[in-house]
Amino acid sequence: MTADASKLVPRSRAMQRCRRLLDWAMRQFCALPCAGARNAVELAMEAVQLADRLQEDPGCNQEGQLRCWEDAWLVAHLAVYRLARHRREG
């Protein structure tokens, strides 16, 4: 069973989003090397690994694969965002 085709993300787009997120996480880690920053980098790396498993044709991806990648990306994004916000406020 696949998700609605209008909501599917091709592998190349998922990898692009993950690379930007990983770059952002690495910049945060270099600016503030703490356990939270390391965790954010690890979460971003996990999102990259899941994106790498997606098929280029979005219609070939299973809904569970997409949801797993989207969840991993969102968790990593929130972790990096929290770090960036903490740096600005602190």
PDB file of N, CA and C in Angstrom:
ATOM      1  N   MET A   1       0.845  -1.178   0.000  1.00  0.00           N
ATOM      2  CA  MET A   1       0.000   0.000   0.000  1.00  0.00           C
ATOM      3  C   MET A   1       0.889   1.240   0.000  1.00  0.00           C
ATOM      4  N   THR A   2       0.639   2.158  -0.903  1.00  0.00           N
ATOM      5  CA  THR A   2       1.441   3.371  -0.973  1.00  0.00           C
ATOM      6  C   THR A   2       0.606   4.572  -0.558  1.00  0.00           C
ATOM      7  N   ALA A   3       1.304   5.631  -0.174  1.00  0.00           N
ATOM      8  CA  ALA A   3       0.634   6.855   0.239  1.00  0.00           C
ATOM      9  C   ALA A   3       0.170   7.625  -0.994  1.00  0.00           C
ATOM     10  N   ASP A   4      -0.581   8.689  -0.760  1.00  0.00           N
ATOM     11  CA  ASP A   4      -1.036   9.569  -1.823  1.00  0.00           C
ATOM     12  C   ASP A   4       0.171  10.084  -2.599  1.00  0.00           C
ATOM     13  N   ALA A   5       0.146   9.965  -3.916  1.00  0.00           N
ATOM     14  CA  ALA A   5       1.304  10.318  -4.752  1.00  0.00           C
ATOM     15  C   ALA A   5       1.713  11.779  -4.593  1.00  0.00           C
ATOM     16  N   SER A   6       0.785  12.665  -4.286  1.00  0.00           N
ATOM     17  CA  SER A   6       1.130  14.082  -4.148  1.00  0.00           C
ATOM     18  C   SER A   6       1.958  14.354  -2.897  1.00  0.00           C
ATOM     19  N   LYS A   7       1.957  13.439  -1.947  1.00  0.00           N
ATOM     20  CA  LYS A   7       2.676  13.634  -0.690  1.00  0.00           C
ATOM     21  C   LYS A   7       3.998  12.875  -0.638  1.00  0.00           C
ATOM     22  N   LEU A   8       4.309  12.120  -1.683  1.00  0.00           N
ATOM     23  CA  LEU A   8       5.503  11.298  -1.673  1.00  0.00           C
ATOM     24  C   LEU A   8       6.744  12.110  -2.029  1.00  0.00           C
ATOM     25  N   VAL A   9       7.851  11.718  -1.434  1.00  0.00           N
ATOM     26  CA  VAL A   9       9.119  12.407  -1.638  1.00  0.00           C
ATOM     27  C   VAL A   9      10.076  11.455  -2.347  1.00  0.00           C
ATOM     28  N   PRO A  10      10.657  11.877  -3.474  1.00  0.00           N
ATOM     29  CA  PRO A  10      11.640  11.015  -4.120  1.00  0.00           C
ATOM     30  C   PRO A  10      12.922  10.956  -3.301  1.00  0.00           C
ATOM     31  N   ARG A  11      13.690   9.918  -3.522  1.00  0.00           N
ATOM     32  CA  ARG A  11      14.926   9.699  -2.772  1.00  0.00           C
ATOM     33  C   ARG A  11      15.867  10.895  -2.881  1.00  0.00           C
ATOM     34  N   SER A  12      16.016  11.462  -4.076  1.00  0.00           N
ATOM     35  CA  SER A  12      16.949  12.579  -4.266  1.00  0.00           C
ATOM     36  C   SER A  12      16.552  13.780  -3.411  1.00  0.00           C
ATOM     37  N   ARG A  13      15.259  14.062  -3.320  1.00  0.00           N
ATOM     38  CA  ARG A  13      14.782  15.184  -2.489  1.00  0.00           C
ATOM     39  C   ARG A  13      14.996  14.873  -1.014  1.00  0.00           C
ATOM     40  N   ALA A  14      14.751  13.644  -0.607  1.00  0.00           N
ATOM     41  CA  ALA A  14      14.964  13.260   0.792  1.00  0.00           C
ATOM     42  C   ALA A  14      16.441  13.375   1.162  1.00  0.00           C
ATOM     43  N   MET A  15      17.318  12.929   0.265  1.00  0.00           N
ATOM     44  CA  MET A  15      18.754  13.023   0.534  1.00  0.00           C
ATOM     45  C   MET A  15      19.195  14.476   0.609  1.00  0.00           C
ATOM     46  N   GLN A  16      18.664  15.320  -0.249  1.00  0.00           N
ATOM     47  CA  GLN A  16      19.000  16.742  -0.226  1.00  0.00           C
ATOM     48  C   GLN A  16      18.594  17.370   1.108  1.00  0.00           C
ATOM     49  N   ARG A  17      17.386  17.082   1.556  1.00  0.00           N
ATOM     50  CA  ARG A  17      16.922  17.619   2.837  1.00  0.00           C
ATOM     51  C   ARG A  17      17.791  17.107   3.984  1.00  0.00           C
ATOM     52  N   CYS A  18      18.165  15.847   3.927  1.00  0.00           N
ATOM     53  CA  CYS A  18      18.979  15.270   4.994  1.00  0.00           C
ATOM     54  C   CYS A  18      20.394  15.846   5.005  1.00  0.00           C
ATOM     55  N   ARG A  19      20.955  16.057   3.829  1.00  0.00           N
ATOM     56  CA  ARG A  19      22.307  16.650   3.775  1.00  0.00           C
ATOM     57  C   ARG A  19      22.318  18.045   4.371  1.00  0.00           C
ATOM     58  N   ARG A  20      21.296  18.844   4.055  1.00  0.00           N
ATOM     59  CA  ARG A  20      21.213  20.188   4.640  1.00  0.00           C
ATOM     60  C   ARG A  20      21.059  20.109   6.156  1.00  0.00           C
ATOM     61  N   LEU A  21      20.246  19.168   6.612  1.00  0.00           N
ATOM     62  CA  LEU A  21      20.056  19.006   8.050  1.00  0.00           C
ATOM     63  C   LEU A  21      21.337  18.541   8.731  1.00  0.00           C
ATOM     64  N   LEU A  22      22.046  17.613   8.122  1.00  0.00           N
ATOM     65  CA  LEU A  22      23.302  17.132   8.691  1.00  0.00           C
ATOM     66  C   LEU A  22      24.348  18.250   8.724  1.00  0.00           C
ATOM     67  N   ASP A  23      24.402  19.054   7.676  1.00  0.00           N
ATOM     68  CA  ASP A  23      25.322  20.201   7.675  1.00  0.00           C
ATOM     69  C   ASP A  23      24.997  21.162   8.819  1.00  0.00           C
ATOM     70  N   TRP A  24      23.727  21.435   8.994  1.00  0.00           N
ATOM     71  CA  TRP A  24      23.281  22.327  10.078  1.00  0.00           C
ATOM     72  C   TRP A  24      23.654  21.729  11.430  1.00  0.00           C
ATOM     73  N   ALA A  25      23.428  20.434  11.605  1.00  0.00           N
ATOM     74  CA  ALA A  25      23.771  19.760  12.863  1.00  0.00           C
ATOM     75  C   ALA A  25      25.275  19.830  13.127  1.00  0.00           C
ATOM     76  N   MET A  26      26.071  19.629  12.085  1.00  0.00           N
ATOM     77  CA  MET A  26      27.532  19.686  12.256  1.00  0.00           C
ATOM     78  C   MET A  26      27.987  21.095  12.622  1.00  0.00           C
ATOM     79  N   ARG A  27      27.382  22.115  12.026  1.00  0.00           N
ATOM     80  CA  ARG A  27      27.734  23.493  12.393  1.00  0.00           C
ATOM     81  C   ARG A  27      27.400  23.764  13.858  1.00  0.00           C
ATOM     82  N   GLN A  28      26.260  23.260  14.305  1.00  0.00           N
ATOM     83  CA  GLN A  28      25.882  23.444  15.709  1.00  0.00           C
ATOM     84  C   GLN A  28      26.854  22.708  16.625  1.00  0.00           C
ATOM     85  N   PHE A  29      27.255  21.522  16.229  1.00  0.00           N
ATOM     86  CA  PHE A  29      28.182  20.735  17.030  1.00  0.00           C
ATOM     87  C   PHE A  29      29.550  21.424  17.116  1.00  0.00           C
ATOM     88  N   CYS A  30      30.007  21.965  15.996  1.00  0.00           N
ATOM     89  CA  CYS A  30      31.309  22.671  16.007  1.00  0.00           C
ATOM     90  C   CYS A  30      31.244  23.926  16.861  1.00  0.00           C
ATOM     91  N   ALA A  31      30.115  24.595  16.866  1.00  0.00           N
ATOM     92  CA  ALA A  31      29.963  25.816  17.656  1.00  0.00           C
ATOM     93  C   ALA A  31      29.778  25.518  19.138  1.00  0.00           C
ATOM     94  N   LEU A  32      29.158  24.414  19.451  1.00  0.00           N
ATOM     95  CA  LEU A  32      28.857  24.076  20.841  1.00  0.00           C
ATOM     96  C   LEU A  32      28.971  22.562  21.012  1.00  0.00           C
ATOM     97  N   PRO A  33      30.201  22.043  21.143  1.00  0.00           N
ATOM     98  CA  PRO A  33      30.376  20.583  21.232  1.00  0.00           C
ATOM     99  C   PRO A  33      29.925  20.042  22.593  1.00  0.00           C
ATOM    100  N   CYS A  34      28.660  19.696  22.678  1.00  0.00           N
ATOM    101  CA  CYS A  34      28.112  19.134  23.909  1.00  0.00           C
ATOM    102  C   CYS A  34      27.362  17.849  23.556  1.00  0.00           C
ATOM    103  N   ALA A  35      26.872  17.183  24.587  1.00  0.00           N
ATOM    104  CA  ALA A  35      26.161  15.922  24.364  1.00  0.00           C
ATOM    105  C   ALA A  35      24.913  16.117  23.507  1.00  0.00           C
ATOM    106  N   GLY A  36      24.196  17.218  23.700  1.00  0.00           N
ATOM    107  CA  GLY A  36      22.999  17.484  22.904  1.00  0.00           C
ATOM    108  C   GLY A  36      23.315  17.666  21.436  1.00  0.00           C
ATOM    109  N   ALA A  37      24.435  18.329  21.155  1.00  0.00           N
ATOM    110  CA  ALA A  37      24.837  18.536  19.762  1.00  0.00           C
ATOM    111  C   ALA A  37      25.248  17.214  19.121  1.00  0.00           C
ATOM    112  N   ARG A  38      25.946  16.392  19.881  1.00  0.00           N
ATOM    113  CA  ARG A  38      26.336  15.083  19.346  1.00  0.00           C
ATOM    114  C   ARG A  38      25.100  14.240  19.049  1.00  0.00           C
ATOM    115  N   ASN A  39      24.129  14.298  19.936  1.00  0.00           N
ATOM    116  CA  ASN A  39      22.885  13.560  19.736  1.00  0.00           C
ATOM    117  C   ASN A  39      22.165  14.051  18.481  1.00  0.00           C
ATOM    118  N   ALA A  40      22.151  15.362  18.253  1.00  0.00           N
ATOM    119  CA  ALA A  40      21.501  15.916  17.067  1.00  0.00           C
ATOM    120  C   ALA A  40      22.199  15.430  15.797  1.00  0.00           C
ATOM    121  N   VAL A  41      23.521  15.376  15.822  1.00  0.00           N
ATOM    122  CA  VAL A  41      24.273  14.881  14.661  1.00  0.00           C
ATOM    123  C   VAL A  41      23.935  13.414  14.413  1.00  0.00           C
ATOM    124  N   GLU A  42      23.870  12.621  15.456  1.00  0.00           N
ATOM    125  CA  GLU A  42      23.543  11.198  15.301  1.00  0.00           C
ATOM    126  C   GLU A  42      22.133  11.012  14.745  1.00  0.00           C
ATOM    127  N   LEU A  43      21.194  11.823  15.214  1.00  0.00           N
ATOM    128  CA  LEU A  43      19.829  11.736  14.698  1.00  0.00           C
ATOM    129  C   LEU A  43      19.781  12.126  13.225  1.00  0.00           C
ATOM    130  N   ALA A  44      20.534  13.157  12.853  1.00  0.00           N
ATOM    131  CA  ALA A  44      20.579  13.568  11.449  1.00  0.00           C
ATOM    132  C   ALA A  44      21.207  12.478  10.587  1.00  0.00           C
ATOM    133  N   MET A  45      22.230  11.820  11.094  1.00  0.00           N
ATOM    134  CA  MET A  45      22.863  10.729  10.350  1.00  0.00           C
ATOM    135  C   MET A  45      21.892   9.568  10.160  1.00  0.00           C
ATOM    136  N   GLU A  46      21.077   9.299  11.162  1.00  0.00           N
ATOM    137  CA  GLU A  46      20.072   8.246  11.035  1.00  0.00           C
ATOM    138  C   GLU A  46      19.059   8.595   9.950  1.00  0.00           C
ATOM    139  N   ALA A  47      18.655   9.867   9.887  1.00  0.00           N
ATOM    140  CA  ALA A  47      17.724  10.302   8.842  1.00  0.00           C
ATOM    141  C   ALA A  47      18.350  10.118   7.458  1.00  0.00           C
ATOM    142  N   VAL A  48      19.643  10.403   7.327  1.00  0.00           N
ATOM    143  CA  VAL A  48      20.342  10.206   6.057  1.00  0.00           C
ATOM    144  C   VAL A  48      20.312   8.730   5.668  1.00  0.00           C
ATOM    145  N   GLN A  49      20.581   7.859   6.612  1.00  0.00           N
ATOM    146  CA  GLN A  49      20.578   6.420   6.326  1.00  0.00           C
ATOM    147  C   GLN A  49      19.205   5.950   5.871  1.00  0.00           C
ATOM    148  N   LEU A  50      18.157   6.443   6.523  1.00  0.00           N
ATOM    149  CA  LEU A  50      16.804   6.048   6.121  1.00  0.00           C
ATOM    150  C   LEU A  50      16.451   6.605   4.750  1.00  0.00           C
ATOM    151  N   ALA A  51      16.878   7.831   4.452  1.00  0.00           N
ATOM    152  CA  ALA A  51      16.620   8.418   3.133  1.00  0.00           C
ATOM    153  C   ALA A  51      17.337   7.625   2.052  1.00  0.00           C
ATOM    154  N   ASP A  52      18.507   7.127   2.376  1.00  0.00           N
ATOM    155  CA  ASP A  52      19.286   6.363   1.405  1.00  0.00           C
ATOM    156  C   ASP A  52      18.588   5.061   1.022  1.00  0.00           C
ATOM    157  N   ARG A  53      17.726   4.569   1.864  1.00  0.00           N
ATOM    158  CA  ARG A  53      16.999   3.320   1.580  1.00  0.00           C
ATOM    159  C   ARG A  53      15.747   3.540   0.733  1.00  0.00           C
ATOM    160  N   LEU A  54      15.352   4.795   0.541  1.00  0.00           N
ATOM    161  CA  LEU A  54      14.160   5.077  -0.259  1.00  0.00           C
ATOM    162  C   LEU A  54      14.438   4.836  -1.739  1.00  0.00           C
ATOM    163  N   GLN A  55      13.394   4.572  -2.484  1.00  0.00           N
ATOM    164  CA  GLN A  55      13.495   4.410  -3.935  1.00  0.00           C
ATOM    165  C   GLN A  55      13.407   5.782  -4.596  1.00  0.00           C
ATOM    166  N   GLU A  56      14.059   5.938  -5.737  1.00  0.00           N
ATOM    167  CA  GLU A  56      13.998   7.227  -6.448  1.00  0.00           C
ATOM    168  C   GLU A  56      12.578   7.519  -6.915  1.00  0.00           C
ATOM    169  N   ASP A  57      11.876   6.502  -7.363  1.00  0.00           N
ATOM    170  CA  ASP A  57      10.483   6.682  -7.780  1.00  0.00           C
ATOM    171  C   ASP A  57       9.612   6.662  -6.530  1.00  0.00           C
ATOM    172  N   PRO A  58       9.006   7.804  -6.175  1.00  0.00           N
ATOM    173  CA  PRO A  58       8.227   7.856  -4.934  1.00  0.00           C
ATOM    174  C   PRO A  58       7.094   6.844  -4.873  1.00  0.00           C
ATOM    175  N   GLY A  59       6.562   6.449  -6.021  1.00  0.00           N
ATOM    176  CA  GLY A  59       5.476   5.475  -6.031  1.00  0.00           C
ATOM    177  C   GLY A  59       5.910   4.083  -5.611  1.00  0.00           C
ATOM    178  N   CYS A  60       7.211   3.810  -5.645  1.00  0.00           N
ATOM    179  CA  CYS A  60       7.727   2.489  -5.275  1.00  0.00           C
ATOM    180  C   CYS A  60       7.982   2.360  -3.770  1.00  0.00           C
ATOM    181  N   ASN A  61       8.004   3.477  -3.062  1.00  0.00           N
ATOM    182  CA  ASN A  61       8.272   3.434  -1.629  1.00  0.00           C
ATOM    183  C   ASN A  61       7.025   3.024  -0.863  1.00  0.00           C
ATOM    184  N   GLN A  62       7.214   2.221   0.119  1.00  0.00           N
ATOM    185  CA  GLN A  62       6.121   1.829   0.992  1.00  0.00           C
ATOM    186  C   GLN A  62       5.823   2.969   1.964  1.00  0.00           C
ATOM    187  N   GLU A  63       4.578   3.093   2.346  1.00  0.00           N
ATOM    188  CA  GLU A  63       4.179   4.174   3.251  1.00  0.00           C
ATOM    189  C   GLU A  63       4.959   4.111   4.561  1.00  0.00           C
ATOM    190  N   GLY A  64       5.237   2.910   5.058  1.00  0.00           N
ATOM    191  CA  GLY A  64       5.994   2.761   6.298  1.00  0.00           C
ATOM    192  C   GLY A  64       7.408   3.287   6.175  1.00  0.00           C
ATOM    193  N   GLN A  65       8.032   3.053   5.008  1.00  0.00           N
ATOM    194  CA  GLN A  65       9.388   3.577   4.779  1.00  0.00           C
ATOM    195  C   GLN A  65       9.384   5.097   4.814  1.00  0.00           C
ATOM    196  N   LEU A  66       8.423   5.692   4.133  1.00  0.00           N
ATOM    197  CA  LEU A  66       8.341   7.150   4.089  1.00  0.00           C
ATOM    198  C   LEU A  66       8.063   7.730   5.465  1.00  0.00           C
ATOM    199  N   ARG A  67       7.149   7.132   6.168  1.00  0.00           N
ATOM    200  CA  ARG A  67       6.801   7.633   7.497  1.00  0.00           C
ATOM    201  C   ARG A  67       7.994   7.517   8.443  1.00  0.00           C
ATOM    202  N   CYS A  68       8.717   6.430   8.359  1.00  0.00           N
ATOM    203  CA  CYS A  68       9.897   6.237   9.199  1.00  0.00           C
ATOM    204  C   CYS A  68      10.943   7.310   8.904  1.00  0.00           C
ATOM    205  N   TRP A  69      11.189   7.566   7.604  1.00  0.00           N
ATOM    206  CA  TRP A  69      12.150   8.607   7.241  1.00  0.00           C
ATOM    207  C   TRP A  69      11.671   9.978   7.696  1.00  0.00           C
ATOM    208  N   GLU A  70      10.393  10.286   7.449  1.00  0.00           N
ATOM    209  CA  GLU A  70       9.861  11.593   7.834  1.00  0.00           C
ATOM    210  C   GLU A  70       9.944  11.802   9.342  1.00  0.00           C
ATOM    211  N   ASP A  71       9.636  10.768  10.108  1.00  0.00           N
ATOM    212  CA  ASP A  71       9.727  10.875  11.568  1.00  0.00           C
ATOM    213  C   ASP A  71      11.163  11.099  12.018  1.00  0.00           C
ATOM    214  N   ALA A  72      12.101  10.355  11.427  1.00  0.00           N
ATOM    215  CA  ALA A  72      13.510  10.511  11.791  1.00  0.00           C
ATOM    216  C   ALA A  72      14.007  11.911  11.432  1.00  0.00           C
ATOM    217  N   TRP A  73      13.597  12.406  10.271  1.00  0.00           N
ATOM    218  CA  TRP A  73      14.012  13.739   9.839  1.00  0.00           C
ATOM    219  C   TRP A  73      13.451  14.793  10.788  1.00  0.00           C
ATOM    220  N   LEU A  74      12.199  14.650  11.149  1.00  0.00           N
ATOM    221  CA  LEU A  74      11.560  15.632  12.030  1.00  0.00           C
ATOM    222  C   LEU A  74      12.207  15.643  13.414  1.00  0.00           C
ATOM    223  N   VAL A  75      12.488  14.483  13.973  1.00  0.00           N
ATOM    224  CA  VAL A  75      13.136  14.411  15.291  1.00  0.00           C
ATOM    225  C   VAL A  75      14.512  15.068  15.232  1.00  0.00           C
ATOM    226  N   ALA A  76      15.272  14.776  14.185  1.00  0.00           N
ATOM    227  CA  ALA A  76      16.602  15.378  14.045  1.00  0.00           C
ATOM    228  C   ALA A  76      16.485  16.887  13.862  1.00  0.00           C
ATOM    229  N   HIS A  77      15.535  17.321  13.053  1.00  0.00           N
ATOM    230  CA  HIS A  77      15.345  18.753  12.817  1.00  0.00           C
ATOM    231  C   HIS A  77      15.018  19.469  14.125  1.00  0.00           C
ATOM    232  N   LEU A  78      14.134  18.901  14.917  1.00  0.00           N
ATOM    233  CA  LEU A  78      13.778  19.523  16.194  1.00  0.00           C
ATOM    234  C   LEU A  78      14.963  19.563  17.150  1.00  0.00           C
ATOM    235  N   ALA A  79      15.779  18.531  17.154  1.00  0.00           N
ATOM    236  CA  ALA A  79      16.960  18.506  18.024  1.00  0.00           C
ATOM    237  C   ALA A  79      17.950  19.601  17.632  1.00  0.00           C
ATOM    238  N   VAL A  80      18.175  19.770  16.344  1.00  0.00           N
ATOM    239  CA  VAL A  80      19.108  20.805  15.882  1.00  0.00           C
ATOM    240  C   VAL A  80      18.509  22.194  16.132  1.00  0.00           C
ATOM    241  N   TYR A  81      17.233  22.344  15.874  1.00  0.00           N
ATOM    242  CA  TYR A  81      16.570  23.621  16.110  1.00  0.00           C
ATOM    243  C   TYR A  81      16.674  24.025  17.583  1.00  0.00           C
ATOM    244  N   ARG A  82      16.464  23.058  18.464  1.00  0.00           N
ATOM    245  CA  ARG A  82      16.583  23.345  19.903  1.00  0.00           C
ATOM    246  C   ARG A  82      17.975  23.824  20.261  1.00  0.00           C
ATOM    247  N   LEU A  83      19.003  23.209  19.670  1.00  0.00           N
ATOM    248  CA  LEU A  83      20.377  23.646  19.921  1.00  0.00           C
ATOM    249  C   LEU A  83      20.601  25.073  19.437  1.00  0.00           C
ATOM    250  N   ALA A  84      20.146  25.347  18.232  1.00  0.00           N
ATOM    251  CA  ALA A  84      20.323  26.691  17.665  1.00  0.00           C
ATOM    252  C   ALA A  84      19.604  27.721  18.526  1.00  0.00           C
ATOM    253  N   ARG A  85      18.431  27.393  18.958  1.00  0.00           N
ATOM    254  CA  ARG A  85      17.668  28.306  19.814  1.00  0.00           C
ATOM    255  C   ARG A  85      18.362  28.519  21.147  1.00  0.00           C
ATOM    256  N   HIS A  86      18.897  27.453  21.721  1.00  0.00           N
ATOM    257  CA  HIS A  86      19.607  27.538  23.003  1.00  0.00           C
ATOM    258  C   HIS A  86      20.847  28.432  22.867  1.00  0.00           C
ATOM    259  N   ARG A  87      21.549  28.299  21.743  1.00  0.00           N
ATOM    260  CA  ARG A  87      22.737  29.133  21.513  1.00  0.00           C
ATOM    261  C   ARG A  87      22.367  30.602  21.406  1.00  0.00           C
ATOM    262  N   ARG A  88      21.253  30.905  20.740  1.00  0.00           N
ATOM    263  CA  ARG A  88      20.821  32.303  20.590  1.00  0.00           C
ATOM    264  C   ARG A  88      20.396  32.903  21.921  1.00  0.00           C
ATOM    265  N   GLU A  89      19.710  32.106  22.736  1.00  0.00           N
ATOM    266  CA  GLU A  89      19.195  32.616  24.011  1.00  0.00           C
ATOM    267  C   GLU A  89      20.259  32.641  25.094  1.00  0.00           C
ATOM    268  N   GLY A  90      21.221  31.733  25.016  1.00  0.00           N
ATOM    269  CA  GLY A  90      22.196  31.601  26.088  1.00  0.00           C
ATOM    270  C   GLY A  90      23.463  32.245  25.760  1.00  0.00           C
TER     271      GLY A  90
END
